Structure formats: C-alpha cells, structure tokens
C-alpha cells in the first residue's frame, strides 16, 4: 500500500492542478492565438512548413504536437532541440516557422537552437511561462503558457507547466484546423486506422 505521505502528495497535486490549470485557462482568450496562427498561415501560403521543438520535457510535448498538427490539416515536423545545432537544422528552409517551447524561456540549449533557427531564415513562435523571457523577446509571435507552481514534491519537475503548454498548443491547433476547413472526410483520409478512421453516421 502507498504510504500516507504519498496519498497526501497525490491529493496536493490534484489541488494544485485545480488551482493552477483553471486559473491559467480562465485567463485565456481566442484573440491571443491570432498572431501565431496568422504567422503559420502566411508561411504556408508561400510554401513554408511548420516545425516544433523543445528541450527536456517540452521536447516530448513537441513530438505529440507535431503529430496533432499533422493529423488536423497542418503538416508539422519535430525538430530535435539539441540535435538542431548539430545538423538537424538542415530540415529547415528559409520561410519556415518553428514553434519553440520552454517553460522559463531562458534554457541555454534552446537559446542556441533559436539562434540557429533564425540564422536559417525561419520565423519563431515562442511558448513560455515568462512573457519577459529571452525566448519571448526573440520570437516573432509569442504564446504564454505559465503557471505559478508545478504541483509535485519539490515543486521542480514539470507537471502543471506541461499541462499549460499542451493546452496552449492544442488551442492553436484548433484554430488552424478550422482555418484549413478540415472536415471528417479529410481527417479520415489521413487517419484510416482505428475507430477514429471511420466516418460516423452523421458525417456520411
């Protein structure tokens, strides 16, 4: 059985999620995603592509989001956060857009990657919990994804901030999906496997 302290820690985490996530959610507006969405749409209209990157835990968020964007009408490529400065920036072309995720916006490895991205002629969309961060200032468009507490023991490991980053980019994906008129037929064509790959009765 779990120790009593462990159970208390889980409850404290849930309480933290309830406070931090809902505070973050209630502060959001649809308008704050417009600049980022327009940057992507303008690039796509000129043949540019979308990429996404992050260091550490945000790197895993990046991989998920690349898949989500791609499956909802906006092809997106995962750019490895540290390998980018060791040759992986070769996947970029001038005019592309790269979403860069960092909770602090000050991570050294991401700074090097952002500079390399910009040096390759790409636009940057920053996602961070700090609107005054280095990343925010270096971005062509910026999305805030911040919380005051992570919610776990030591208040260090990314937990609530990951929820905020994920929600922020999911919201952006919703806006872009609608802009692309991504209907059920198009979705199924790119997602033929599993139950999600079947048209529902009201979609036929």
N, C-alpha and C. Protein backbone atom coordinates (compact mmCIF):
# COMPACT_ATOMS: atom_id res chain seq x y z
N UNK A 1 0.83 -1.20 0.00
CA UNK A 1 0.00 0.00 0.00
C UNK A 1 0.87 1.25 0.00
N UNK A 2 0.33 2.30 -0.57
CA UNK A 2 1.04 3.57 -0.58
C UNK A 2 1.16 4.14 0.83
N UNK A 3 2.28 4.81 1.08
CA UNK A 3 2.42 5.50 2.35
C UNK A 3 1.41 6.63 2.44
N UNK A 4 1.04 6.99 3.64
CA UNK A 4 0.08 8.08 3.82
C UNK A 4 0.60 9.38 3.21
N UNK A 5 1.92 9.57 3.33
CA UNK A 5 2.52 10.77 2.75
C UNK A 5 2.36 10.81 1.23
N UNK A 6 2.43 9.63 0.61
CA UNK A 6 2.27 9.55 -0.84
C UNK A 6 0.85 9.92 -1.25
N UNK A 7 -0.11 9.41 -0.51
CA UNK A 7 -1.52 9.74 -0.80
C UNK A 7 -1.78 11.22 -0.62
N UNK A 8 -1.18 11.80 0.41
CA UNK A 8 -1.35 13.23 0.64
C UNK A 8 -0.72 14.05 -0.47
N UNK A 9 0.42 13.55 -0.99
CA UNK A 9 1.10 14.25 -2.08
C UNK A 9 0.25 14.22 -3.35
N UNK A 10 -0.41 13.09 -3.61
CA UNK A 10 -1.29 12.99 -4.78
C UNK A 10 -2.45 13.97 -4.66
N UNK A 11 -3.07 14.01 -3.48
CA UNK A 11 -4.18 14.95 -3.27
C UNK A 11 -3.71 16.39 -3.43
N UNK A 12 -2.53 16.70 -2.89
CA UNK A 12 -1.98 18.04 -3.02
C UNK A 12 -1.74 18.39 -4.49
N UNK A 13 -1.31 17.39 -5.26
CA UNK A 13 -1.09 17.62 -6.69
C UNK A 13 -2.41 17.93 -7.39
N UNK A 14 -3.43 17.14 -7.12
CA UNK A 14 -4.74 17.40 -7.72
C UNK A 14 -5.25 18.78 -7.35
N UNK A 15 -5.06 19.17 -6.11
CA UNK A 15 -5.49 20.50 -5.68
C UNK A 15 -4.72 21.59 -6.44
N UNK A 16 -3.44 21.34 -6.65
CA UNK A 16 -2.61 22.29 -7.39
C UNK A 16 -3.06 22.41 -8.84
N UNK A 17 -3.36 21.27 -9.45
CA UNK A 17 -3.84 21.28 -10.84
C UNK A 17 -5.14 22.08 -10.92
N UNK A 18 -6.04 21.84 -9.98
CA UNK A 18 -7.31 22.55 -9.97
C UNK A 18 -7.10 24.06 -9.90
N UNK A 19 -6.16 24.48 -9.07
CA UNK A 19 -5.89 25.91 -8.91
C UNK A 19 -5.13 26.49 -10.10
N UNK A 20 -3.98 25.90 -10.41
CA UNK A 20 -3.10 26.46 -11.43
C UNK A 20 -3.69 26.36 -12.84
N UNK A 21 -4.18 25.18 -13.19
CA UNK A 21 -4.66 24.96 -14.55
C UNK A 21 -5.91 25.79 -14.82
N UNK A 22 -6.83 25.82 -13.87
CA UNK A 22 -8.06 26.58 -14.09
C UNK A 22 -7.83 28.08 -14.06
N UNK A 23 -6.87 28.53 -13.25
CA UNK A 23 -6.50 29.95 -13.28
C UNK A 23 -5.92 30.32 -14.63
N UNK A 24 -5.05 29.45 -15.13
CA UNK A 24 -4.46 29.68 -16.45
C UNK A 24 -5.53 29.66 -17.54
N UNK A 25 -6.41 28.69 -17.49
CA UNK A 25 -7.44 28.53 -18.51
C UNK A 25 -8.37 29.74 -18.56
N UNK A 26 -8.79 30.21 -17.40
CA UNK A 26 -9.74 31.32 -17.35
C UNK A 26 -9.14 32.64 -17.84
N UNK A 27 -7.82 32.72 -17.87
CA UNK A 27 -7.16 33.93 -18.33
C UNK A 27 -6.95 33.97 -19.84
N UNK A 28 -7.26 32.88 -20.52
CA UNK A 28 -7.02 32.79 -21.95
C UNK A 28 -8.16 33.40 -22.76
N UNK A 29 -7.80 33.94 -23.93
CA UNK A 29 -8.77 34.42 -24.91
C UNK A 29 -8.39 33.88 -26.28
N UNK A 30 -9.35 33.75 -27.16
CA UNK A 30 -9.07 33.25 -28.51
C UNK A 30 -8.17 34.22 -29.27
N UNK A 31 -8.31 35.51 -28.98
CA UNK A 31 -7.56 36.52 -29.73
C UNK A 31 -6.05 36.39 -29.56
N UNK A 32 -5.59 35.88 -28.42
CA UNK A 32 -4.15 35.82 -28.20
C UNK A 32 -3.45 34.79 -29.09
N UNK A 33 -4.21 33.93 -29.76
CA UNK A 33 -3.62 32.93 -30.65
C UNK A 33 -3.57 33.41 -32.10
N UNK A 34 -4.15 34.57 -32.35
CA UNK A 34 -4.30 35.02 -33.74
C UNK A 34 -2.97 35.29 -34.42
N UNK A 35 -2.06 35.98 -33.74
CA UNK A 35 -0.78 36.33 -34.36
C UNK A 35 0.02 35.08 -34.74
N UNK A 36 0.05 34.10 -33.84
CA UNK A 36 0.78 32.87 -34.12
C UNK A 36 0.15 32.10 -35.28
N UNK A 37 -1.18 32.00 -35.25
CA UNK A 37 -1.87 31.29 -36.33
C UNK A 37 -1.64 31.97 -37.67
N UNK A 38 -1.70 33.29 -37.69
CA UNK A 38 -1.53 34.02 -38.94
C UNK A 38 -0.11 33.88 -39.48
N UNK A 39 0.86 33.85 -38.57
CA UNK A 39 2.25 33.66 -38.99
C UNK A 39 2.41 32.33 -39.71
N UNK A 40 1.78 31.29 -39.18
CA UNK A 40 1.85 29.96 -39.79
C UNK A 40 1.12 29.95 -41.13
N UNK A 41 -0.08 30.51 -41.17
CA UNK A 41 -0.88 30.52 -42.40
C UNK A 41 -0.18 31.30 -43.51
N UNK A 42 0.44 32.43 -43.16
CA UNK A 42 1.16 33.23 -44.16
C UNK A 42 2.35 32.46 -44.71
N UNK A 43 3.06 31.76 -43.84
CA UNK A 43 4.21 30.97 -44.28
C UNK A 43 3.77 29.83 -45.20
N UNK A 44 2.70 29.14 -44.81
CA UNK A 44 2.19 28.03 -45.61
C UNK A 44 1.75 28.50 -46.99
N UNK A 45 1.17 29.69 -47.05
CA UNK A 45 0.71 30.23 -48.34
C UNK A 45 1.87 30.46 -49.31
N UNK A 46 3.06 30.61 -48.75
CA UNK A 46 4.26 30.83 -49.58
C UNK A 46 5.10 29.56 -49.71
N UNK A 47 4.54 28.43 -49.28
CA UNK A 47 5.26 27.17 -49.40
C UNK A 47 6.10 26.82 -48.18
N UNK A 48 6.01 27.62 -47.13
CA UNK A 48 6.77 27.33 -45.92
C UNK A 48 6.13 26.21 -45.11
N UNK A 49 6.91 25.63 -44.22
CA UNK A 49 6.45 24.49 -43.42
C UNK A 49 6.51 24.83 -41.93
N UNK A 50 5.86 23.99 -41.15
CA UNK A 50 5.80 24.17 -39.71
C UNK A 50 6.64 23.11 -39.00
N UNK A 51 7.42 23.54 -38.01
CA UNK A 51 8.24 22.65 -37.20
C UNK A 51 8.00 22.99 -35.73
N UNK A 52 8.39 22.10 -34.83
CA UNK A 52 8.22 22.36 -33.40
C UNK A 52 9.35 21.71 -32.62
N UNK A 53 9.82 22.41 -31.58
CA UNK A 53 10.96 21.92 -30.82
C UNK A 53 10.86 22.32 -29.35
N UNK A 54 11.63 21.65 -28.52
CA UNK A 54 11.69 21.96 -27.10
C UNK A 54 12.81 21.15 -26.46
N UNK A 55 13.23 21.55 -25.27
CA UNK A 55 14.29 20.87 -24.56
C UNK A 55 13.70 20.12 -23.37
N UNK A 56 14.15 18.89 -23.13
CA UNK A 56 13.67 18.13 -21.99
C UNK A 56 12.20 17.73 -22.14
N UNK A 57 11.43 17.91 -21.07
CA UNK A 57 10.01 17.52 -21.10
C UNK A 57 9.25 18.23 -22.21
N UNK A 58 9.47 19.53 -22.44
CA UNK A 58 8.79 20.19 -23.57
C UNK A 58 9.11 19.56 -24.92
N UNK A 59 10.26 18.87 -25.00
CA UNK A 59 10.58 18.16 -26.23
C UNK A 59 9.58 17.04 -26.50
N UNK A 60 9.12 16.38 -25.44
CA UNK A 60 8.11 15.33 -25.59
C UNK A 60 6.76 15.94 -25.98
N UNK A 61 6.45 17.11 -25.43
CA UNK A 61 5.25 17.83 -25.85
C UNK A 61 5.33 18.15 -27.34
N UNK A 62 6.52 18.53 -27.79
CA UNK A 62 6.73 18.87 -29.19
C UNK A 62 6.41 17.70 -30.11
N UNK A 63 6.85 16.51 -29.73
CA UNK A 63 6.60 15.33 -30.56
C UNK A 63 5.11 15.05 -30.67
N UNK A 64 4.39 15.16 -29.54
CA UNK A 64 2.93 14.97 -29.56
C UNK A 64 2.27 16.02 -30.43
N UNK A 65 2.67 17.27 -30.26
CA UNK A 65 2.02 18.35 -31.00
C UNK A 65 2.29 18.26 -32.50
N UNK A 66 3.49 17.80 -32.88
CA UNK A 66 3.78 17.63 -34.31
C UNK A 66 2.79 16.64 -34.91
N UNK A 67 2.49 15.58 -34.15
CA UNK A 67 1.53 14.58 -34.61
C UNK A 67 0.12 15.17 -34.68
N UNK A 68 -0.27 15.94 -33.66
CA UNK A 68 -1.62 16.51 -33.64
C UNK A 68 -1.82 17.52 -34.75
N UNK A 69 -0.87 18.44 -34.92
CA UNK A 69 -0.97 19.41 -36.02
C UNK A 69 -1.09 18.68 -37.36
N UNK A 70 -0.24 17.68 -37.56
CA UNK A 70 -0.22 16.97 -38.84
C UNK A 70 -1.53 16.26 -39.13
N UNK A 71 -2.15 15.71 -38.09
CA UNK A 71 -3.38 14.93 -38.30
C UNK A 71 -4.61 15.82 -38.46
N UNK A 72 -4.44 17.13 -38.27
CA UNK A 72 -5.60 18.03 -38.36
C UNK A 72 -5.38 19.13 -39.39
N UNK A 73 -4.64 18.80 -40.44
CA UNK A 73 -4.57 19.68 -41.60
C UNK A 73 -3.36 20.58 -41.70
N UNK A 74 -2.41 20.45 -40.78
CA UNK A 74 -1.24 21.32 -40.81
C UNK A 74 0.03 20.51 -40.60
N UNK A 75 0.58 19.96 -41.68
CA UNK A 75 1.78 19.14 -41.56
C UNK A 75 2.84 19.82 -40.71
N UNK A 76 3.38 19.08 -39.75
CA UNK A 76 4.33 19.65 -38.79
C UNK A 76 5.43 18.64 -38.54
N UNK A 77 6.65 19.14 -38.40
CA UNK A 77 7.82 18.28 -38.26
C UNK A 77 8.51 18.53 -36.93
N UNK A 78 8.81 17.46 -36.22
CA UNK A 78 9.52 17.57 -34.96
C UNK A 78 10.98 17.90 -35.22
N UNK A 79 11.47 18.95 -34.58
CA UNK A 79 12.88 19.33 -34.67
C UNK A 79 13.53 19.06 -33.31
N UNK A 80 14.51 18.18 -33.28
CA UNK A 80 15.16 17.83 -32.01
C UNK A 80 15.83 19.06 -31.42
N UNK A 81 15.55 19.32 -30.14
CA UNK A 81 16.00 20.54 -29.51
C UNK A 81 17.50 20.76 -29.45
N UNK A 82 18.27 19.69 -29.25
CA UNK A 82 19.72 19.84 -29.18
C UNK A 82 20.41 19.40 -30.48
N UNK A 83 19.85 18.43 -31.17
CA UNK A 83 20.45 18.00 -32.44
C UNK A 83 20.32 19.08 -33.51
N UNK A 84 19.44 20.05 -33.27
CA UNK A 84 19.24 21.12 -34.25
C UNK A 84 20.55 21.84 -34.56
N UNK A 85 21.39 22.03 -33.54
CA UNK A 85 22.65 22.74 -33.76
C UNK A 85 23.77 21.79 -34.18
N UNK A 86 23.43 20.53 -34.39
CA UNK A 86 24.42 19.55 -34.85
C UNK A 86 23.99 18.96 -36.19
N UNK A 87 23.30 19.75 -36.99
CA UNK A 87 22.95 19.33 -38.34
C UNK A 87 21.47 19.21 -38.63
N UNK A 88 20.64 19.03 -37.59
CA UNK A 88 19.21 18.83 -37.85
C UNK A 88 18.51 20.09 -38.34
N UNK A 89 19.16 21.25 -38.22
CA UNK A 89 18.59 22.46 -38.82
C UNK A 89 18.56 22.34 -40.34
N UNK A 90 19.18 21.29 -40.86
CA UNK A 90 19.11 21.04 -42.28
C UNK A 90 17.70 20.73 -42.76
N UNK A 91 16.80 20.37 -41.83
CA UNK A 91 15.42 20.12 -42.23
C UNK A 91 14.66 21.42 -42.45
N UNK A 92 15.25 22.55 -42.06
CA UNK A 92 14.60 23.85 -42.20
C UNK A 92 14.92 24.49 -43.54
N UNK A 93 13.99 25.31 -44.00
CA UNK A 93 14.22 26.13 -45.19
C UNK A 93 13.75 27.54 -44.87
N UNK A 94 14.40 28.52 -45.46
CA UNK A 94 14.02 29.90 -45.23
C UNK A 94 12.53 30.08 -45.50
N UNK A 95 11.86 30.75 -44.58
CA UNK A 95 10.42 30.96 -44.72
C UNK A 95 9.59 30.01 -43.89
N UNK A 96 10.22 28.98 -43.32
CA UNK A 96 9.51 28.06 -42.43
C UNK A 96 9.23 28.74 -41.08
N UNK A 97 8.34 28.12 -40.30
CA UNK A 97 8.03 28.61 -38.95
C UNK A 97 8.35 27.51 -37.96
N UNK A 98 9.00 27.86 -36.85
CA UNK A 98 9.34 26.89 -35.83
C UNK A 98 8.73 27.34 -34.49
N UNK A 99 7.92 26.46 -33.90
CA UNK A 99 7.39 26.68 -32.56
C UNK A 99 8.43 26.18 -31.56
N UNK A 100 8.82 27.04 -30.60
CA UNK A 100 9.84 26.69 -29.62
C UNK A 100 9.24 26.77 -28.22
N UNK A 101 9.32 25.66 -27.48
CA UNK A 101 8.70 25.58 -26.15
C UNK A 101 9.78 25.58 -25.07
N UNK A 102 9.61 26.44 -24.06
CA UNK A 102 10.50 26.45 -22.89
C UNK A 102 9.75 27.12 -21.75
N UNK A 103 9.61 26.43 -20.63
CA UNK A 103 8.87 26.99 -19.51
C UNK A 103 9.50 28.30 -19.03
N UNK A 104 10.80 28.30 -18.85
CA UNK A 104 11.48 29.50 -18.38
C UNK A 104 11.74 30.50 -19.49
N UNK A 105 11.90 29.99 -20.70
CA UNK A 105 12.27 30.86 -21.82
C UNK A 105 13.72 31.29 -21.76
N UNK A 106 14.49 30.66 -20.88
CA UNK A 106 15.88 31.03 -20.67
C UNK A 106 16.84 29.85 -20.82
N UNK A 107 16.35 28.69 -21.22
CA UNK A 107 17.18 27.49 -21.29
C UNK A 107 18.31 27.66 -22.30
N UNK A 108 19.53 27.41 -21.85
CA UNK A 108 20.69 27.65 -22.68
C UNK A 108 20.68 26.90 -24.00
N UNK A 109 20.34 25.61 -23.94
CA UNK A 109 20.34 24.81 -25.17
C UNK A 109 19.32 25.33 -26.18
N UNK A 110 18.16 25.79 -25.67
CA UNK A 110 17.14 26.30 -26.59
C UNK A 110 17.56 27.64 -27.19
N UNK A 111 18.28 28.44 -26.42
CA UNK A 111 18.78 29.70 -26.96
C UNK A 111 19.63 29.45 -28.20
N UNK A 112 20.53 28.46 -28.10
CA UNK A 112 21.40 28.13 -29.24
C UNK A 112 20.57 27.67 -30.43
N UNK A 113 19.54 26.87 -30.14
CA UNK A 113 18.69 26.37 -31.21
C UNK A 113 17.89 27.49 -31.86
N UNK A 114 17.34 28.39 -31.07
CA UNK A 114 16.57 29.51 -31.61
C UNK A 114 17.45 30.38 -32.52
N UNK A 115 18.67 30.66 -32.08
CA UNK A 115 19.56 31.47 -32.91
C UNK A 115 19.89 30.77 -34.23
N UNK A 116 20.06 29.44 -34.16
CA UNK A 116 20.32 28.68 -35.39
C UNK A 116 19.10 28.70 -36.31
N UNK A 117 17.91 28.59 -35.72
CA UNK A 117 16.66 28.63 -36.50
C UNK A 117 16.55 29.96 -37.23
N UNK A 118 16.78 31.04 -36.51
CA UNK A 118 16.66 32.37 -37.11
C UNK A 118 17.74 32.60 -38.16
N UNK A 119 18.93 32.04 -37.92
CA UNK A 119 20.03 32.17 -38.87
C UNK A 119 19.74 31.43 -40.17
N UNK A 120 18.81 30.48 -40.11
CA UNK A 120 18.40 29.74 -41.31
C UNK A 120 17.18 30.38 -41.97
N UNK A 121 16.83 31.58 -41.55
CA UNK A 121 15.78 32.34 -42.23
C UNK A 121 14.37 31.96 -41.84
N UNK A 122 14.20 31.37 -40.64
CA UNK A 122 12.87 30.93 -40.21
C UNK A 122 12.29 31.87 -39.15
N UNK A 123 10.97 31.89 -39.06
CA UNK A 123 10.26 32.64 -38.04
C UNK A 123 10.09 31.77 -36.80
N UNK A 124 10.01 32.41 -35.63
CA UNK A 124 9.91 31.70 -34.37
C UNK A 124 8.62 32.07 -33.64
N UNK A 125 7.89 31.05 -33.20
CA UNK A 125 6.77 31.23 -32.28
C UNK A 125 7.22 30.70 -30.93
N UNK A 126 7.34 31.56 -29.95
CA UNK A 126 7.77 31.15 -28.63
C UNK A 126 6.59 30.76 -27.76
N UNK A 127 6.79 29.72 -26.95
CA UNK A 127 5.79 29.28 -25.97
C UNK A 127 6.50 29.17 -24.64
N UNK A 128 6.12 30.01 -23.68
CA UNK A 128 6.83 30.05 -22.41
C UNK A 128 5.92 30.56 -21.30
N UNK A 129 6.31 30.25 -20.07
CA UNK A 129 5.58 30.77 -18.93
C UNK A 129 6.01 32.17 -18.53
N UNK A 130 7.03 32.70 -19.20
CA UNK A 130 7.56 34.01 -18.85
C UNK A 130 7.51 34.95 -20.05
N UNK A 131 6.54 35.86 -20.09
CA UNK A 131 6.41 36.78 -21.22
C UNK A 131 7.53 37.81 -21.31
N UNK A 132 8.38 37.86 -20.28
CA UNK A 132 9.53 38.78 -20.31
C UNK A 132 10.84 38.04 -20.58
N UNK A 133 10.74 36.79 -20.94
CA UNK A 133 11.93 35.95 -21.12
C UNK A 133 12.69 36.28 -22.40
N UNK A 134 13.89 35.72 -22.46
CA UNK A 134 14.71 35.83 -23.68
C UNK A 134 13.95 35.27 -24.87
N UNK A 135 13.31 34.11 -24.70
CA UNK A 135 12.58 33.49 -25.80
C UNK A 135 11.46 34.40 -26.29
N UNK A 136 10.72 34.99 -25.36
CA UNK A 136 9.62 35.88 -25.75
C UNK A 136 10.14 37.04 -26.59
N UNK A 137 11.26 37.59 -26.20
CA UNK A 137 11.82 38.75 -26.91
C UNK A 137 12.39 38.38 -28.26
N UNK A 138 12.82 37.14 -28.42
CA UNK A 138 13.40 36.68 -29.69
C UNK A 138 12.35 36.13 -30.65
N UNK A 139 11.10 36.05 -30.21
CA UNK A 139 10.05 35.41 -31.01
C UNK A 139 9.34 36.41 -31.92
N UNK A 140 8.90 35.91 -33.06
CA UNK A 140 8.08 36.72 -33.98
C UNK A 140 6.63 36.75 -33.53
N UNK A 141 6.22 35.72 -32.81
CA UNK A 141 4.91 35.67 -32.16
C UNK A 141 5.12 34.89 -30.87
N UNK A 142 4.34 35.22 -29.84
CA UNK A 142 4.56 34.60 -28.54
C UNK A 142 3.25 34.16 -27.92
N UNK A 143 3.27 32.95 -27.31
CA UNK A 143 2.11 32.42 -26.59
C UNK A 143 2.51 32.14 -25.16
N UNK A 144 1.77 32.71 -24.22
CA UNK A 144 2.08 32.49 -22.81
C UNK A 144 1.50 31.17 -22.34
N UNK A 145 2.30 30.41 -21.60
CA UNK A 145 1.85 29.12 -21.06
C UNK A 145 2.47 28.98 -19.68
N UNK A 146 1.99 29.78 -18.74
CA UNK A 146 2.65 29.83 -17.45
C UNK A 146 1.77 29.45 -16.27
N UNK A 147 2.40 28.86 -15.28
CA UNK A 147 1.76 28.54 -14.00
C UNK A 147 2.71 28.99 -12.89
N UNK A 148 2.18 29.12 -11.68
CA UNK A 148 2.99 29.57 -10.55
C UNK A 148 3.62 28.40 -9.79
N UNK A 149 3.00 27.23 -9.88
CA UNK A 149 3.51 26.07 -9.15
C UNK A 149 3.35 24.82 -9.99
N UNK A 150 4.33 23.91 -9.89
CA UNK A 150 4.30 22.68 -10.68
C UNK A 150 3.41 21.61 -10.06
N UNK A 151 3.24 21.68 -8.72
CA UNK A 151 2.26 20.79 -8.10
C UNK A 151 2.75 19.48 -7.55
N UNK A 152 4.04 19.19 -7.66
CA UNK A 152 4.54 17.93 -7.13
C UNK A 152 5.57 18.16 -6.03
N UNK A 153 6.06 17.09 -5.44
CA UNK A 153 7.11 17.20 -4.43
C UNK A 153 8.30 17.99 -4.98
N UNK A 154 8.83 18.89 -4.20
CA UNK A 154 9.95 19.77 -4.53
C UNK A 154 9.55 20.94 -5.43
N UNK A 155 8.37 20.87 -6.06
CA UNK A 155 7.91 21.94 -6.95
C UNK A 155 8.94 22.23 -8.05
N UNK A 156 9.52 21.18 -8.60
CA UNK A 156 10.55 21.34 -9.62
C UNK A 156 10.20 20.63 -10.93
N UNK A 157 9.89 19.34 -10.85
CA UNK A 157 9.63 18.56 -12.06
C UNK A 157 8.44 19.16 -12.82
N UNK A 158 8.56 19.35 -14.13
CA UNK A 158 7.46 19.94 -14.91
C UNK A 158 6.20 19.07 -14.87
N UNK A 159 5.14 19.63 -14.34
CA UNK A 159 3.85 18.96 -14.32
C UNK A 159 2.78 19.94 -14.79
N UNK A 160 2.44 20.91 -13.96
CA UNK A 160 1.42 21.87 -14.36
C UNK A 160 1.85 22.70 -15.57
N UNK A 161 3.13 23.00 -15.67
CA UNK A 161 3.60 23.77 -16.83
C UNK A 161 3.43 22.98 -18.12
N UNK A 162 3.60 21.66 -18.04
CA UNK A 162 3.39 20.82 -19.22
C UNK A 162 1.92 20.83 -19.64
N UNK A 163 1.03 20.82 -18.65
CA UNK A 163 -0.40 20.92 -18.97
C UNK A 163 -0.70 22.23 -19.67
N UNK A 164 -0.11 23.32 -19.19
CA UNK A 164 -0.35 24.63 -19.78
C UNK A 164 0.20 24.71 -21.20
N UNK A 165 1.39 24.16 -21.42
CA UNK A 165 1.99 24.17 -22.76
C UNK A 165 1.16 23.34 -23.73
N UNK A 166 0.71 22.20 -23.26
CA UNK A 166 -0.10 21.32 -24.11
C UNK A 166 -1.42 22.00 -24.48
N UNK A 167 -2.11 22.57 -23.51
CA UNK A 167 -3.37 23.25 -23.78
C UNK A 167 -3.18 24.40 -24.76
N UNK A 168 -2.12 25.17 -24.56
CA UNK A 168 -1.84 26.32 -25.42
C UNK A 168 -1.72 25.90 -26.88
N UNK A 169 -0.96 24.86 -27.12
CA UNK A 169 -0.74 24.42 -28.49
C UNK A 169 -1.93 23.64 -29.05
N UNK A 170 -2.68 22.97 -28.20
CA UNK A 170 -3.92 22.35 -28.65
C UNK A 170 -4.89 23.42 -29.14
N UNK A 171 -4.97 24.53 -28.41
CA UNK A 171 -5.84 25.63 -28.82
C UNK A 171 -5.41 26.18 -30.18
N UNK A 172 -4.10 26.33 -30.37
CA UNK A 172 -3.60 26.80 -31.66
C UNK A 172 -3.97 25.81 -32.76
N UNK A 173 -3.89 24.52 -32.47
CA UNK A 173 -4.23 23.50 -33.47
C UNK A 173 -5.71 23.55 -33.84
N UNK A 174 -6.56 23.90 -32.88
CA UNK A 174 -7.99 24.02 -33.15
C UNK A 174 -8.24 25.17 -34.14
N UNK A 175 -7.61 26.31 -33.88
CA UNK A 175 -7.77 27.46 -34.78
C UNK A 175 -7.30 27.13 -36.19
N UNK A 176 -6.14 26.48 -36.29
CA UNK A 176 -5.58 26.16 -37.60
C UNK A 176 -6.43 25.11 -38.33
N UNK A 177 -6.98 24.15 -37.58
CA UNK A 177 -7.83 23.13 -38.20
C UNK A 177 -9.05 23.77 -38.85
N UNK A 178 -9.65 24.72 -38.17
CA UNK A 178 -10.83 25.40 -38.72
C UNK A 178 -10.44 26.24 -39.93
N UNK A 179 -9.30 26.94 -39.85
CA UNK A 179 -8.84 27.77 -40.96
C UNK A 179 -8.61 26.92 -42.22
N UNK A 180 -8.23 25.65 -42.04
CA UNK A 180 -7.98 24.76 -43.18
C UNK A 180 -9.22 24.00 -43.62
N UNK A 181 -10.37 24.30 -43.01
CA UNK A 181 -11.62 23.60 -43.36
C UNK A 181 -11.43 22.09 -43.31
N UNK A 182 -10.84 21.61 -42.24
CA UNK A 182 -10.51 20.20 -42.11
C UNK A 182 -11.76 19.43 -41.68
N UNK A 183 -12.44 18.83 -42.67
CA UNK A 183 -13.70 18.14 -42.39
C UNK A 183 -13.45 16.65 -42.11
N UNK A 184 -14.50 15.91 -41.73
CA UNK A 184 -14.33 14.48 -41.40
C UNK A 184 -13.72 13.65 -42.53
N UNK A 185 -14.08 13.94 -43.77
CA UNK A 185 -13.55 13.16 -44.90
C UNK A 185 -12.04 13.34 -45.01
N UNK A 186 -11.57 14.58 -44.86
CA UNK A 186 -10.13 14.84 -44.92
C UNK A 186 -9.42 14.20 -43.74
N UNK A 187 -10.05 14.26 -42.57
CA UNK A 187 -9.45 13.68 -41.38
C UNK A 187 -9.28 12.17 -41.54
N UNK A 188 -10.31 11.50 -42.00
CA UNK A 188 -10.27 10.04 -42.17
C UNK A 188 -9.26 9.63 -43.23
N UNK A 189 -9.13 10.45 -44.27
CA UNK A 189 -8.17 10.13 -45.32
C UNK A 189 -6.75 10.05 -44.77
N UNK A 190 -6.44 10.90 -43.78
CA UNK A 190 -5.11 10.91 -43.18
C UNK A 190 -5.02 10.05 -41.92
N UNK A 191 -6.15 9.46 -41.53
CA UNK A 191 -6.18 8.70 -40.28
C UNK A 191 -7.06 7.45 -40.48
N UNK A 192 -6.66 6.59 -41.43
CA UNK A 192 -7.52 5.45 -41.77
C UNK A 192 -7.56 4.33 -40.74
N UNK A 193 -6.66 4.35 -39.76
CA UNK A 193 -6.62 3.26 -38.80
C UNK A 193 -7.46 3.52 -37.57
N UNK A 194 -7.97 2.45 -36.95
CA UNK A 194 -8.69 2.55 -35.69
C UNK A 194 -10.08 3.14 -35.83
N UNK A 195 -10.75 3.33 -34.70
CA UNK A 195 -12.12 3.86 -34.70
C UNK A 195 -12.17 5.30 -35.19
N UNK A 196 -11.09 6.07 -34.94
CA UNK A 196 -11.07 7.45 -35.41
C UNK A 196 -11.03 7.54 -36.93
N UNK A 197 -10.65 6.44 -37.57
CA UNK A 197 -10.56 6.42 -39.02
C UNK A 197 -11.85 6.02 -39.71
N UNK A 198 -12.94 6.00 -38.98
CA UNK A 198 -14.24 5.65 -39.56
C UNK A 198 -15.17 6.85 -39.52
N UNK A 199 -15.86 7.10 -40.64
CA UNK A 199 -16.85 8.17 -40.65
C UNK A 199 -18.02 7.79 -39.75
N UNK A 200 -18.47 8.73 -38.94
CA UNK A 200 -19.63 8.50 -38.09
C UNK A 200 -20.92 8.66 -38.91
N UNK A 201 -22.02 8.15 -38.38
CA UNK A 201 -23.27 8.16 -39.15
C UNK A 201 -23.66 9.57 -39.57
N UNK A 202 -23.44 10.53 -38.69
CA UNK A 202 -23.84 11.91 -39.02
C UNK A 202 -22.85 12.62 -39.93
N UNK A 203 -21.77 11.92 -40.32
CA UNK A 203 -20.74 12.52 -41.18
C UNK A 203 -20.76 11.97 -42.59
N UNK A 204 -21.57 10.93 -42.82
CA UNK A 204 -21.59 10.28 -44.14
C UNK A 204 -22.45 11.07 -45.11
